[in-house]
């Protein structure tokens, strides 16, 4: 296991908490990265192969994402070791145990992520009050139901196309990770005129250059099936989704799906990062050298956390969607304009914007006085 201090810098992490409750088989990690702008919001990710390193990287992404979105929240993330498809009663035991273990960690607000959903957050709420993205029945704005992140990705794509040489109409779309984020992104973007020609989930990929029926594919997934159950498409292995020729490619699954080893296989003109840290920085540089525009994750996929923060502060669903549209369109345009003007990668422009906001918030904190005092180490 990597030493967490490998990831420490002037921003954080503030704390790393390992949770172990052998009586119920609970193993989890919480990373609170930075709280200069307020208590951290970040999802609970559940997978068998999560790690402290991944948690640290995801928590930092949330710090940048929340700062770029202008939210009064810092960045954090929790990872829970386990198969998200385990029996529901078993999953509920683990989620509730995690909530109870972190009851007093008021620097962290629970939210859903890969492997968890609104129902899981309802279990957290039953144990503690510090949670967002609750089911509608108990006063929440259900992120997965309304597709907040996917809606945001469609807004980002619309602005990004102003910097490309093609339009939505008949643009070929591929979504890697046809889950809660990916299926809504496909729905919103195809409603603007694009055509979904490829999709993948954890079991495999499918391809039809004439187009896939988004509604039918969504029904299959919601019924517990996989993309491979879709009849009118060529079946491919999971990693072959990288090879499908397209105009817009959206990674909406796990971290590091595109790296230096497979980036040359990607055949797209615009990449909108729907997942957190899905493409390595080296791969992003290679894409830029090939003329592929890549909108970084913490700019593109902030719709979910904006909606969650709005819910936490009592806003309505319509106000949350309006805020997503306004913030993401503004931040995308600002990022791409700065990248073009300064001749730098969009990620660097986005990081600079977010860090400026974080550092400004940190300057108001008590500890900033100590760090600049003579003899302070």
Foldseek 3Di string as FASTA:
>chain_A
DDDCCVLQDPQDQPDKDWDADPVLGWTKIKTRHHQLLHQAEEEEAEEQDDDPVNQSQQQVLSQLLCLLLVHSHGGMYMYIHDHLPPDPVSVLVRLLVVLQVCQPVRSYAYEHDHSDFQVSQVSSCVNHPRYAQHDVVVQHDNCLVVQQQLLLLLLLVQLVCVVPDDHLAQFEEEEQACDSNRLSVVVSSVVRHYFHAKYAHPFFIWGDSVGDDSVVCVVQVVVPHGSVVRDPTDTGGNLCSQQDAGAEYEYADDAQSAEPVCLVNHHYQEYQYQHANNHDPRSLVVCVVVNRAYAHHSLRRSRSVLSGSCSVVPHDPVVSSVSSSVSSSVSSNQLVVVCVVVVHHSVVSSSVSSVVSSVVSNCPDPCVVQVPDPPRD
